[in-house]
């Protein structure tokens, strides 16, 4: 179970890394297709798609955390749809939703999406501030993330963005992702 300090440090480090990575990216590369969709027949993802996904997924986790704190039976929503736990069930729900979200944000500019990072992260930090240390150890029903605790959901926000930046770094280096 991650500590509050580990969560806060990871969130700050990854926010800085995301902003630095995308601000350093030349404008002509922001819309260059780099990574394959996880959905059969889905469009190649651009760095802008990954950026929108990172921001959108953080907002998704905020909702999961709020639902978990409210006592929801399936705060993540994967079990409700598939009737199963685990990564396979999560991906069966998440990947098509990710592809739909990618298309939804297609018309927004990278600058607009970058502009939402601060507010999104501030909302996460406010949510974290409202959770006591005992609540961070609270199990989240049907969570496929880490040890399944509320603290891990917060930490997963940072781990998720790190994963996407890693994929983008690999793709820009010419490695198949």
Protein backbone atom coordinates (compact mmCIF):
# COMPACT_ATOMS: atom_id res chain seq x y z
CA UNK A 1 0.00 0.00 0.00
CA UNK A 2 1.58 3.29 -1.01
CA UNK A 3 1.95 6.04 1.55
CA UNK A 4 0.52 9.52 1.13
CA UNK A 5 4.05 10.87 0.59
CA UNK A 6 4.76 8.27 -2.11
CA UNK A 7 1.49 9.13 -3.85
CA UNK A 8 2.09 12.88 -3.67
CA UNK A 9 5.67 12.55 -4.91
CA UNK A 10 4.68 10.25 -7.77
CA UNK A 11 1.85 12.56 -8.84
CA UNK A 12 4.12 15.63 -8.80
CA UNK A 13 6.96 13.88 -10.62
CA UNK A 14 4.71 12.52 -13.35
CA UNK A 15 2.83 15.77 -13.86
CA UNK A 16 6.14 17.55 -14.35
CA UNK A 17 7.34 14.83 -16.71
CA UNK A 18 4.11 14.90 -18.78
CA UNK A 19 4.23 18.67 -19.14
CA UNK A 20 7.95 18.69 -19.97
CA UNK A 21 7.54 15.85 -22.51
CA UNK A 22 4.64 17.45 -24.38
CA UNK A 23 6.02 21.00 -24.27
CA UNK A 24 9.31 19.74 -25.75
CA UNK A 25 7.56 17.89 -28.57
CA UNK A 26 7.79 19.74 -31.89
CA UNK A 27 4.36 20.88 -33.09
CA UNK A 28 4.58 18.81 -36.26
CA UNK A 29 4.99 15.63 -34.21
CA UNK A 30 1.97 16.16 -31.95
CA UNK A 31 -0.35 14.77 -34.63
CA UNK A 32 1.96 12.12 -36.05
CA UNK A 33 0.54 8.59 -35.71
CA UNK A 34 2.91 6.63 -33.45
CA UNK A 35 1.24 3.76 -31.62
CA UNK A 36 -1.31 1.12 -32.55
CA UNK A 37 -4.76 1.16 -31.07
CA UNK A 38 -5.60 -1.66 -28.68
CA UNK A 39 -8.86 -2.08 -30.60
CA UNK A 40 -9.00 -4.08 -33.81
CA UNK A 41 -9.35 -1.62 -36.68
CA UNK A 42 -8.76 1.39 -34.41
CA UNK A 43 -6.81 4.39 -35.64
CA UNK A 44 -3.14 4.86 -34.85
CA UNK A 45 -2.66 7.03 -31.78
CA UNK A 46 -0.81 10.33 -31.91
CA UNK A 47 0.97 11.99 -28.98
CA UNK A 48 -2.07 14.29 -28.68
CA UNK A 49 -4.30 11.20 -28.35
CA UNK A 50 -2.09 9.92 -25.53
CA UNK A 51 -2.18 13.32 -23.83
CA UNK A 52 -5.98 13.45 -23.96
CA UNK A 53 -6.09 9.87 -22.68
CA UNK A 54 -3.79 10.68 -19.76
CA UNK A 55 -5.97 13.62 -18.70
CA UNK A 56 -9.22 11.73 -19.26
CA UNK A 57 -8.04 8.68 -17.37
CA UNK A 58 -7.07 10.80 -14.38
CA UNK A 59 -10.62 12.16 -14.33
CA UNK A 60 -11.93 8.57 -14.59
CA UNK A 61 -9.86 7.61 -11.53
CA UNK A 62 -11.23 10.60 -9.63
CA UNK A 63 -14.71 9.21 -10.23
CA UNK A 64 -13.64 5.70 -9.21
CA UNK A 65 -12.18 7.06 -5.97
CA UNK A 66 -15.33 9.05 -5.21
CA UNK A 67 -17.51 6.01 -5.89
CA UNK A 68 -15.29 3.83 -3.69
CA UNK A 69 -15.52 6.35 -0.85
CA UNK A 70 -19.30 6.35 -1.26
CA UNK A 71 -19.36 2.56 -0.88
CA UNK A 72 -20.11 1.54 -4.47
CA UNK A 73 -20.10 -2.20 -5.14
CA UNK A 74 -18.05 -1.82 -8.33
CA UNK A 75 -16.40 1.62 -8.38
CA UNK A 76 -14.27 0.82 -11.45
CA UNK A 77 -17.25 -0.49 -13.40
CA UNK A 78 -15.47 -3.38 -15.12
CA UNK A 79 -17.07 -6.18 -13.13
CA UNK A 80 -20.56 -4.77 -13.69
CA UNK A 81 -20.06 -4.98 -17.45
CA UNK A 82 -18.20 -8.29 -17.74
CA UNK A 83 -19.13 -10.23 -14.60
CA UNK A 84 -15.41 -11.02 -14.11
CA UNK A 85 -12.41 -9.54 -12.34
CA UNK A 86 -8.89 -9.18 -13.71
CA UNK A 87 -6.94 -7.50 -16.45
CA UNK A 88 -8.70 -9.29 -19.31
CA UNK A 89 -12.07 -8.00 -18.13
CA UNK A 90 -10.67 -4.53 -17.55
CA UNK A 91 -9.18 -4.35 -21.04
CA UNK A 92 -12.35 -5.69 -22.65
CA UNK A 93 -14.16 -2.64 -21.28
CA UNK A 94 -11.37 -0.05 -21.22
CA UNK A 95 -9.93 -0.44 -24.71
CA UNK A 96 -13.16 0.27 -26.64
CA UNK A 97 -13.91 3.15 -24.24
CA UNK A 98 -10.41 4.52 -24.84
CA UNK A 99 -10.94 4.40 -28.59
CA UNK A 100 -14.26 6.26 -28.25
CA UNK A 101 -12.61 8.90 -26.05
CA UNK A 102 -9.76 9.26 -28.55
CA UNK A 103 -12.26 10.12 -31.24
CA UNK A 104 -14.13 12.49 -28.89
CA UNK A 105 -11.02 14.58 -28.21
CA UNK A 106 -9.86 14.53 -31.82
CA UNK A 107 -11.18 18.04 -32.51
CA UNK A 108 -9.58 19.62 -29.43
CA UNK A 109 -6.20 21.24 -29.75
CA UNK A 110 -3.19 19.95 -27.88
CA UNK A 111 -2.93 23.37 -26.19
CA UNK A 112 -6.48 23.02 -24.85
CA UNK A 113 -5.74 19.55 -23.53
CA UNK A 114 -2.44 20.69 -21.98
CA UNK A 115 -4.37 23.51 -20.35
CA UNK A 116 -6.57 21.01 -18.53
CA UNK A 117 -3.67 19.23 -16.84
CA UNK A 118 -3.38 21.69 -13.96
CA UNK A 119 -7.08 21.71 -13.07
CA UNK A 120 -7.33 17.96 -13.38
CA UNK A 121 -4.33 17.41 -11.11
CA UNK A 122 -5.57 20.00 -8.62
CA UNK A 123 -8.85 18.09 -8.36
CA UNK A 124 -6.88 14.87 -7.72
CA UNK A 125 -4.82 16.52 -4.99
CA UNK A 126 -7.94 17.97 -3.36
CA UNK A 127 -9.52 14.53 -3.43
CA UNK A 128 -6.38 13.05 -1.85
CA UNK A 129 -6.37 15.76 0.84
CA UNK A 130 -9.92 14.77 1.79
CA UNK A 131 -8.94 11.13 2.34
CA UNK A 132 -7.37 10.11 5.64
CA UNK A 133 -4.53 7.59 5.91
CA UNK A 134 -6.86 4.81 7.06
CA UNK A 135 -9.03 5.33 3.98
CA UNK A 136 -5.96 4.95 1.74
CA UNK A 137 -5.78 1.33 2.92
CA UNK A 138 -9.46 0.74 2.13
CA UNK A 139 -9.99 -2.12 -0.33
CA UNK A 140 -11.77 -1.15 -3.53
CA UNK A 141 -14.19 -3.90 -4.60
CA UNK A 142 -13.29 -5.53 -7.93
CA UNK A 143 -10.29 -3.26 -8.48
CA UNK A 144 -7.77 -4.78 -10.91
CA UNK A 145 -5.13 -2.21 -9.93
CA UNK A 146 -2.17 -3.20 -7.76
CA UNK A 147 -3.12 -4.27 -4.27
CA UNK A 148 -6.69 -3.07 -4.79
CA UNK A 149 -6.60 -0.27 -2.23
CA UNK A 150 -7.73 3.32 -2.53
CA UNK A 151 -4.11 4.46 -2.16
CA UNK A 152 -3.13 2.35 -5.14
CA UNK A 153 -5.82 4.00 -7.25
CA UNK A 154 -4.22 7.38 -6.55
CA UNK A 155 -0.78 5.99 -7.36
CA UNK A 156 -2.07 4.38 -10.55
CA UNK A 157 -2.75 7.85 -11.96
CA UNK A 158 0.99 8.55 -11.94
CA UNK A 159 1.92 5.05 -13.10
CA UNK A 160 -0.52 5.31 -15.99
CA UNK A 161 0.99 8.51 -17.37
CA UNK A 162 4.50 7.08 -16.96
CA UNK A 163 3.44 4.04 -18.99
CA UNK A 164 2.10 6.17 -21.83
CA UNK A 165 5.19 8.37 -21.96
CA UNK A 166 7.30 5.21 -22.11
CA UNK A 167 5.30 3.95 -25.08
CA UNK A 168 5.67 7.30 -26.81
CA UNK A 169 9.43 7.35 -26.17
CA UNK A 170 9.71 3.85 -27.65
CA UNK A 171 7.63 4.76 -30.69
CA UNK A 172 9.63 7.93 -31.33
CA UNK A 173 12.80 5.85 -31.13
CA UNK A 174 11.42 3.63 -33.87
CA UNK A 175 10.54 0.67 -31.69
CA UNK A 176 7.28 -1.19 -32.33
CA UNK A 177 4.76 -0.43 -29.59
